[in-house]
N, C-alpha and C. Protein backbone atom coordinates (compact mmCIF):
# COMPACT_ATOMS: atom_id res chain seq x y z
N MET A 1 0.96 -0.94 -0.16
CA MET A 1 0.00 -0.24 0.22
C MET A 1 1.07 1.08 -0.04
N LEU A 2 1.62 1.06 1.17
CA LEU A 2 2.54 2.57 0.87
C LEU A 2 3.52 2.71 -0.48
N ILE A 3 3.92 1.60 -1.01
CA ILE A 3 4.61 1.47 -2.17
C ILE A 3 3.57 2.13 -3.25
N GLU A 4 2.49 1.45 -3.43
CA GLU A 4 1.43 2.28 -4.62
C GLU A 4 1.19 3.55 -3.98
N PHE A 5 1.04 4.20 -2.92
CA PHE A 5 1.21 5.50 -2.97
C PHE A 5 2.26 5.95 -3.62
N PHE A 6 3.42 5.62 -3.17
CA PHE A 6 4.25 6.59 -3.92
C PHE A 6 4.47 6.32 -4.85
N GLU A 7 4.09 5.12 -5.72
CA GLU A 7 3.77 4.91 -7.13
C GLU A 7 2.64 5.96 -7.76
N ASN A 8 1.79 6.50 -7.36
CA ASN A 8 0.86 7.28 -7.97
C ASN A 8 1.57 8.61 -7.83
N LEU A 9 1.99 8.97 -6.27
CA LEU A 9 2.63 10.39 -6.37
C LEU A 9 3.48 10.57 -7.57
N LEU A 10 4.68 9.82 -8.01
CA LEU A 10 5.68 9.88 -9.13
C LEU A 10 4.61 9.56 -10.20
N LYS A 11 3.74 8.95 -10.68
CA LYS A 11 2.83 9.03 -11.96
C LYS A 11 1.98 10.30 -11.81
N ASP A 12 1.37 10.71 -10.70
CA ASP A 12 0.76 11.85 -11.22
C ASP A 12 1.17 13.23 -11.06
N ASN A 13 2.68 13.34 -11.08
CA ASN A 13 3.41 14.07 -11.27
C ASN A 13 3.94 14.39 -12.70
N ASN A 14 3.83 12.79 -13.33
CA ASN A 14 4.04 13.03 -14.50
C ASN A 14 5.55 12.47 -14.70
N ILE A 15 6.16 11.83 -13.65
CA ILE A 15 7.65 11.27 -13.85
C ILE A 15 7.75 9.84 -14.27
N SER A 16 8.73 10.36 -15.62
CA SER A 16 8.57 8.89 -16.61
C SER A 16 9.90 8.83 -16.54
N ASN A 17 10.33 7.18 -17.07
CA ASN A 17 11.36 6.76 -16.87
C ASN A 17 12.72 7.57 -17.57
N THR A 18 12.44 8.48 -18.81
CA THR A 18 12.68 8.97 -19.63
C THR A 18 13.21 10.16 -18.76
N ASP A 19 12.43 10.93 -18.04
CA ASP A 19 12.75 12.06 -17.26
C ASP A 19 14.11 11.64 -16.05
N ILE A 20 13.63 11.01 -16.00
CA ILE A 20 14.69 9.87 -14.56
C ILE A 20 16.26 9.91 -14.79
N LYS A 21 15.93 9.75 -16.42
CA LYS A 21 17.74 9.20 -16.56
C LYS A 21 18.51 11.15 -17.03
N GLU A 22 17.24 11.79 -16.83
CA GLU A 22 18.12 13.02 -17.07
C GLU A 22 18.25 13.76 -15.97
N TYR A 23 18.19 13.17 -14.66
CA TYR A 23 17.54 14.12 -13.59
C TYR A 23 19.35 14.36 -13.11
N SER A 24 19.63 15.33 -12.62
CA SER A 24 21.10 16.01 -11.65
C SER A 24 21.22 14.63 -11.30
N PRO A 25 22.60 13.68 -11.13
CA PRO A 25 22.71 12.75 -9.96
C PRO A 25 22.80 13.31 -8.94
N LEU A 26 22.93 14.60 -8.63
CA LEU A 26 22.34 14.89 -7.02
C LEU A 26 21.17 14.93 -6.57
N VAL A 27 20.00 15.27 -7.33
CA VAL A 27 18.92 15.04 -7.22
C VAL A 27 18.66 13.67 -6.99
N LEU A 28 19.03 12.62 -8.01
CA LEU A 28 19.19 11.26 -7.47
C LEU A 28 19.70 10.67 -6.13
N ALA A 29 20.80 11.70 -5.83
CA ALA A 29 21.28 11.41 -4.57
C ALA A 29 20.42 11.63 -3.33
N TYR A 30 19.77 12.54 -3.54
CA TYR A 30 18.89 13.44 -2.73
C TYR A 30 17.82 12.14 -2.21
N ILE A 31 17.12 11.78 -3.20
CA ILE A 31 16.06 11.04 -2.90
C ILE A 31 16.64 9.41 -2.42
N GLY A 32 18.26 9.03 -3.11
CA GLY A 32 18.53 7.92 -2.44
C GLY A 32 18.82 7.97 -1.05
N ASP A 33 19.25 9.05 -0.53
CA ASP A 33 19.87 9.68 0.93
C ASP A 33 18.74 9.02 1.98
N SER A 34 17.19 9.27 1.36
CA SER A 34 16.15 9.28 1.76
C SER A 34 16.11 7.63 2.15
N VAL A 35 16.18 7.11 0.70
CA VAL A 35 15.89 5.87 1.04
C VAL A 35 16.07 4.61 1.43
N TYR A 36 17.88 5.02 1.73
CA TYR A 36 18.48 4.64 2.41
C TYR A 36 18.94 4.38 4.23
N GLU A 37 18.30 5.94 4.30
CA GLU A 37 18.12 6.00 5.88
C GLU A 37 17.45 5.12 6.01
N ILE A 38 15.81 5.55 5.46
CA ILE A 38 14.80 4.74 5.62
C ILE A 38 15.10 2.82 6.06
N PHE A 39 15.37 2.20 5.18
CA PHE A 39 15.86 1.22 5.15
C PHE A 39 17.39 0.99 6.64
N ILE A 40 18.19 1.54 6.92
CA ILE A 40 18.70 1.36 7.94
C ILE A 40 17.94 1.60 8.83
N ARG A 41 17.29 3.03 9.15
CA ARG A 41 16.47 2.79 10.42
C ARG A 41 15.58 1.36 10.79
N THR A 42 14.94 1.19 9.56
CA THR A 42 14.03 -0.09 9.33
C THR A 42 14.57 -1.34 9.94
N LEU A 43 15.50 -1.69 9.06
CA LEU A 43 16.36 -2.49 9.74
C LEU A 43 16.65 -2.40 11.37
N LEU A 44 17.02 -1.19 11.59
CA LEU A 44 17.54 -1.20 13.57
C LEU A 44 16.35 -1.43 14.50
N VAL A 45 15.07 -1.00 13.95
CA VAL A 45 14.25 -0.86 14.78
C VAL A 45 13.65 -2.12 14.72
N SER A 46 13.90 -3.20 13.38
CA SER A 46 13.35 -4.50 13.24
C SER A 46 14.09 -5.52 14.55
N LYS A 47 15.60 -5.33 14.72
CA LYS A 47 15.97 -5.77 16.02
C LYS A 47 15.80 -5.72 17.08
N GLY A 48 14.76 -5.13 17.67
CA GLY A 48 14.14 -4.55 18.84
C GLY A 48 14.23 -3.33 19.12
N ASN A 49 12.90 -3.00 19.95
CA ASN A 49 13.17 -1.77 20.67
C ASN A 49 14.87 -1.40 21.90
N ALA A 50 14.81 -0.16 21.58
CA ALA A 50 16.37 0.58 21.77
C ALA A 50 16.40 2.09 21.96
N PRO A 51 17.06 2.44 23.10
CA PRO A 51 16.83 3.52 23.15
C PRO A 51 16.95 4.76 21.86
N VAL A 52 16.60 5.45 21.47
CA VAL A 52 16.98 6.46 20.39
C VAL A 52 18.55 6.73 19.66
N TYR A 53 18.75 7.12 21.30
CA TYR A 53 20.40 7.58 21.19
C TYR A 53 21.13 6.28 20.73
N LYS A 54 20.90 5.38 20.90
CA LYS A 54 21.72 4.07 20.54
C LYS A 54 21.41 3.71 19.17
N LEU A 55 19.97 3.58 18.77
CA LEU A 55 19.71 3.42 17.36
C LEU A 55 20.40 4.35 16.70
N HIS A 56 20.35 5.53 16.72
CA HIS A 56 21.09 7.21 16.01
C HIS A 56 22.89 6.38 15.80
N LYS A 57 23.38 6.06 16.96
CA LYS A 57 24.63 5.77 17.00
C LYS A 57 24.60 4.68 16.04
N GLN A 58 24.11 3.55 16.10
CA GLN A 58 24.52 2.34 15.47
C GLN A 58 24.05 2.85 13.55
N SER A 59 23.14 3.56 13.60
CA SER A 59 22.67 3.91 12.12
C SER A 59 23.71 4.58 11.52
N VAL A 60 24.61 5.72 12.46
CA VAL A 60 25.45 6.62 11.86
C VAL A 60 26.82 5.60 11.09
N ALA A 61 26.73 4.47 11.78
CA ALA A 61 27.77 3.74 11.20
C ALA A 61 27.41 3.24 9.83
N PHE A 62 26.23 3.07 9.37
CA PHE A 62 26.04 2.34 8.11
C PHE A 62 25.76 3.59 7.21
N VAL A 63 25.36 4.84 7.59
CA VAL A 63 25.02 6.09 6.42
C VAL A 63 26.17 7.11 6.64
N LYS A 64 27.20 7.03 7.09
CA LYS A 64 28.51 7.77 6.85
C LYS A 64 29.03 7.56 5.39
N ALA A 65 29.46 8.59 5.39
CA ALA A 65 30.42 8.58 4.11
C ALA A 65 31.15 7.52 3.22
N LYS A 66 32.32 6.84 4.67
CA LYS A 66 32.96 6.01 4.41
C LYS A 66 32.34 4.74 4.42
N ALA A 67 31.56 4.68 5.08
CA ALA A 67 30.64 3.44 4.78
C ALA A 67 29.88 2.93 3.50
N GLN A 68 29.37 4.20 3.15
CA GLN A 68 28.59 4.06 1.73
C GLN A 68 29.92 4.09 0.78
N SER A 69 30.92 4.89 0.68
CA SER A 69 31.65 4.56 -0.24
C SER A 69 32.14 3.08 -0.39
N ASP A 70 32.66 2.52 0.85
CA ASP A 70 32.76 1.20 0.94
C ASP A 70 32.20 -0.01 0.21
N ILE A 71 30.44 0.59 0.58
CA ILE A 71 29.68 -0.19 -0.16
C ILE A 71 29.81 -0.05 -1.35
N LEU A 72 29.69 0.98 -1.91
CA LEU A 72 29.63 1.04 -3.70
C LEU A 72 31.23 0.36 -3.97
N HIS A 73 32.28 0.33 -3.62
CA HIS A 73 33.60 -0.45 -4.00
C HIS A 73 33.46 -1.71 -3.84
N SER A 74 32.76 -2.30 -2.83
CA SER A 74 32.34 -3.43 -2.66
C SER A 74 31.26 -4.33 -3.40
N ILE A 75 30.56 -3.36 -3.94
CA ILE A 75 29.50 -3.94 -5.17
C ILE A 75 29.51 -3.82 -6.06
N MET A 76 30.60 -2.78 -6.67
CA MET A 76 30.34 -2.54 -8.28
C MET A 76 30.42 -3.74 -9.04
N ASN A 77 31.32 -4.71 -8.70
CA ASN A 77 31.29 -5.58 -9.87
C ASN A 77 29.96 -6.38 -10.02
N ASN A 78 29.30 -6.00 -9.07
CA ASN A 78 27.85 -6.89 -9.06
C ASN A 78 26.70 -5.55 -10.14
N LEU A 79 27.20 -5.06 -10.43
CA LEU A 79 26.37 -3.65 -11.12
C LEU A 79 26.35 -4.09 -12.42
N THR A 80 25.08 -3.41 -12.80
CA THR A 80 25.00 -3.45 -14.33
C THR A 80 25.53 -2.67 -14.98
N GLU A 81 26.01 -2.14 -16.02
CA GLU A 81 26.88 -1.15 -16.43
C GLU A 81 25.73 -0.12 -16.68
N GLU A 82 24.81 -0.20 -16.84
CA GLU A 82 23.90 1.45 -16.76
C GLU A 82 24.01 1.49 -15.60
N GLU A 83 23.82 0.74 -14.14
CA GLU A 83 23.98 1.06 -12.86
C GLU A 83 25.36 1.93 -12.58
N GLN A 84 26.58 0.80 -13.03
CA GLN A 84 27.88 1.64 -12.95
C GLN A 84 27.91 3.32 -13.19
N GLU A 85 26.99 3.66 -14.35
CA GLU A 85 27.06 4.93 -15.23
C GLU A 85 26.67 5.42 -13.98
N ILE A 86 25.57 5.03 -13.97
CA ILE A 86 24.86 6.20 -12.62
C ILE A 86 25.45 6.48 -11.53
N ALA A 87 26.07 5.48 -10.79
CA ALA A 87 26.92 5.57 -9.76
C ALA A 87 27.95 6.61 -10.11
N ARG A 88 28.58 6.15 -11.40
CA ARG A 88 30.44 7.18 -11.51
C ARG A 88 29.61 8.93 -11.88
N ARG A 89 28.57 8.97 -12.59
CA ARG A 89 27.75 10.28 -12.91
C ARG A 89 27.52 10.70 -11.26
N GLY A 90 27.11 10.12 -10.31
CA GLY A 90 26.92 10.70 -9.14
C GLY A 90 28.27 10.58 -8.51
N ARG A 91 29.21 10.30 -8.41
CA ARG A 91 30.62 10.18 -8.03
C ARG A 91 31.38 11.29 -8.74
N ASN A 92 31.08 11.69 -9.79
CA ASN A 92 31.81 13.11 -10.52
C ASN A 92 31.04 14.00 -10.64
N ALA A 93 29.46 14.13 -9.96
CA ALA A 93 29.17 15.47 -9.75
C ALA A 93 29.74 16.12 -8.67
N LYS A 94 29.56 17.32 -9.38
CA LYS A 94 30.08 18.75 -8.64
C LYS A 94 29.04 19.21 -7.35
N SER A 95 29.47 18.59 -6.22
CA SER A 95 28.49 18.93 -4.97
C SER A 95 29.17 20.62 -4.65
N GLY A 96 28.33 21.60 -3.72
CA GLY A 96 28.63 22.77 -3.31
C GLY A 96 29.25 22.27 -2.15
N THR A 97 28.94 21.34 -1.06
CA THR A 97 29.47 21.26 0.37
C THR A 97 29.92 19.95 0.30
N ILE A 98 30.81 19.36 1.54
CA ILE A 98 31.55 18.35 1.92
C ILE A 98 31.41 18.19 3.47
N PRO A 99 30.62 17.33 3.95
CA PRO A 99 30.64 17.25 5.52
C PRO A 99 32.20 17.58 5.89
N LYS A 100 32.02 17.58 7.42
CA LYS A 100 33.23 18.04 7.57
C LYS A 100 33.66 16.73 8.58
N ASN A 101 32.99 15.63 8.70
CA ASN A 101 33.74 14.21 9.34
C ASN A 101 34.15 12.99 7.91
N ALA A 102 33.60 13.81 6.74
CA ALA A 102 33.81 12.87 5.56
C ALA A 102 35.21 13.49 4.86
N ASP A 103 36.26 12.42 3.84
CA ASP A 103 37.28 12.48 2.70
C ASP A 103 36.28 12.66 2.20
N VAL A 104 37.02 13.81 0.76
CA VAL A 104 36.34 14.20 -0.35
C VAL A 104 36.16 13.18 -1.05
N ALA A 105 37.07 12.09 -1.31
CA ALA A 105 36.80 10.96 -2.22
C ALA A 105 35.61 10.04 -1.62
N GLU A 106 35.82 9.79 -0.38
CA GLU A 106 34.55 9.10 0.14
C GLU A 106 33.37 9.61 -0.12
N TYR A 107 33.03 11.03 0.14
CA TYR A 107 32.22 11.40 0.09
C TYR A 107 31.63 11.41 -1.48
N LYS A 108 32.31 11.51 -2.37
CA LYS A 108 31.58 11.52 -3.94
C LYS A 108 31.65 9.66 -4.36
N TYR A 109 32.23 9.12 -3.59
CA TYR A 109 31.84 7.57 -3.95
C TYR A 109 30.35 7.26 -3.02
N ALA A 110 30.08 7.97 -1.74
CA ALA A 110 28.89 7.35 -0.87
C ALA A 110 27.97 8.48 -2.04
N THR A 111 28.18 9.77 -2.71
CA THR A 111 27.06 10.32 -3.45
C THR A 111 26.80 9.51 -4.27
N GLY A 112 27.60 8.89 -4.98
CA GLY A 112 27.87 7.58 -6.07
C GLY A 112 26.62 6.83 -5.68
N PHE A 113 26.85 6.10 -4.83
CA PHE A 113 25.41 5.09 -3.95
C PHE A 113 24.57 5.74 -3.59
N GLU A 114 24.43 7.08 -3.25
CA GLU A 114 22.96 7.10 -3.27
C GLU A 114 22.40 7.87 -4.45
N SER A 115 23.19 7.82 -5.41
CA SER A 115 22.39 8.24 -6.79
C SER A 115 22.13 7.13 -7.12
N LEU A 116 22.49 6.21 -7.16
CA LEU A 116 22.08 4.63 -7.45
C LEU A 116 20.86 4.23 -6.64
N LEU A 117 20.70 4.36 -5.97
CA LEU A 117 19.52 3.77 -4.88
C LEU A 117 18.70 5.04 -5.42
N GLY A 118 18.58 6.11 -5.34
CA GLY A 118 17.95 6.96 -6.20
C GLY A 118 17.28 6.62 -7.35
N TYR A 119 18.23 6.25 -8.36
CA TYR A 119 17.80 6.00 -9.54
C TYR A 119 16.84 4.93 -9.30
N LEU A 120 17.23 3.97 -8.94
CA LEU A 120 16.51 2.56 -8.56
C LEU A 120 15.22 2.44 -8.03
N TYR A 121 14.78 3.75 -7.11
CA TYR A 121 13.99 3.89 -6.33
C TYR A 121 12.82 4.53 -7.01
N LEU A 122 13.47 5.81 -8.02
CA LEU A 122 11.84 6.16 -8.80
C LEU A 122 12.07 5.46 -10.15
N GLU A 123 12.99 4.79 -10.88
CA GLU A 123 13.15 3.90 -11.85
C GLU A 123 11.69 2.56 -11.41
N LYS A 124 11.36 2.44 -9.85
CA LYS A 124 10.10 1.60 -9.36
C LYS A 124 10.76 0.59 -9.70
N ASN A 125 12.15 0.29 -9.82
CA ASN A 125 12.93 -1.19 -10.05
C ASN A 125 13.16 -2.05 -8.45
N TYR A 126 12.23 -2.30 -7.94
CA TYR A 126 12.27 -2.27 -6.00
C TYR A 126 13.12 -3.40 -6.03
N ASP A 127 12.88 -4.51 -6.80
CA ASP A 127 13.71 -6.01 -6.69
C ASP A 127 15.14 -5.61 -6.80
N ARG A 128 15.66 -4.44 -7.72
CA ARG A 128 16.76 -4.69 -7.68
C ARG A 128 17.28 -3.32 -6.50
N LEU A 129 16.95 -2.35 -6.19
CA LEU A 129 17.13 -1.79 -4.78
C LEU A 129 16.96 -2.75 -4.19
N ILE A 130 16.00 -3.61 -3.25
CA ILE A 130 16.09 -4.37 -2.56
C ILE A 130 17.44 -5.11 -2.62
N GLU A 131 17.86 -5.75 -4.15
CA GLU A 131 19.28 -6.55 -3.61
C GLU A 131 20.46 -5.57 -3.70
N ILE A 132 20.47 -4.67 -4.10
CA ILE A 132 21.75 -3.49 -3.82
C ILE A 132 21.15 -3.32 -1.88
N LEU A 133 20.42 -3.02 -2.08
CA LEU A 133 20.07 -2.95 0.01
C LEU A 133 20.68 -4.14 0.82
N ARG A 134 20.38 -5.33 0.22
CA ARG A 134 21.01 -6.13 1.06
C ARG A 134 22.47 -6.36 0.83
N MET A 135 23.08 -6.36 -0.43
CA MET A 135 24.44 -6.61 -0.47
C MET A 135 24.98 -5.33 0.27
N SER A 136 24.16 -4.19 0.68
CA SER A 136 25.07 -3.21 1.78
C SER A 136 25.31 -3.60 2.71
N ILE A 137 24.27 -4.38 3.23
CA ILE A 137 24.68 -4.88 4.71
C ILE A 137 25.21 -5.95 5.06
N ASN A 138 25.69 -6.79 4.02
CA ASN A 138 26.65 -8.27 3.85
C ASN A 138 28.11 -7.83 4.17
């Protein structure tokens, strides 16, 4: 039901697959960051009730730039050519800011990872998105 709601939101606003391919990689990373964040938070909460500060501390280990950079490096050979291209575009995008706790290269690779997630989400390629998310926690 929730997925249907989001699909209808995208459809109602005339977002087509052609449009998604033309989106800025930073826009894809913007939505991909949210997709990954909700995935990690859901994963942590599914393991049981815990104080929020503990959940936050655990989630930071997954969502920080270094962790996302490491994920992209580890899964790159498992990506299709199209997915690799999306990740490369995200990695090479010119961002105006870099977080104070991240190395520039790590941040760029993290942006590539988030771009890939955002792309798969907007493409409604949920099966592949889930595969990538599963790879990210192994």
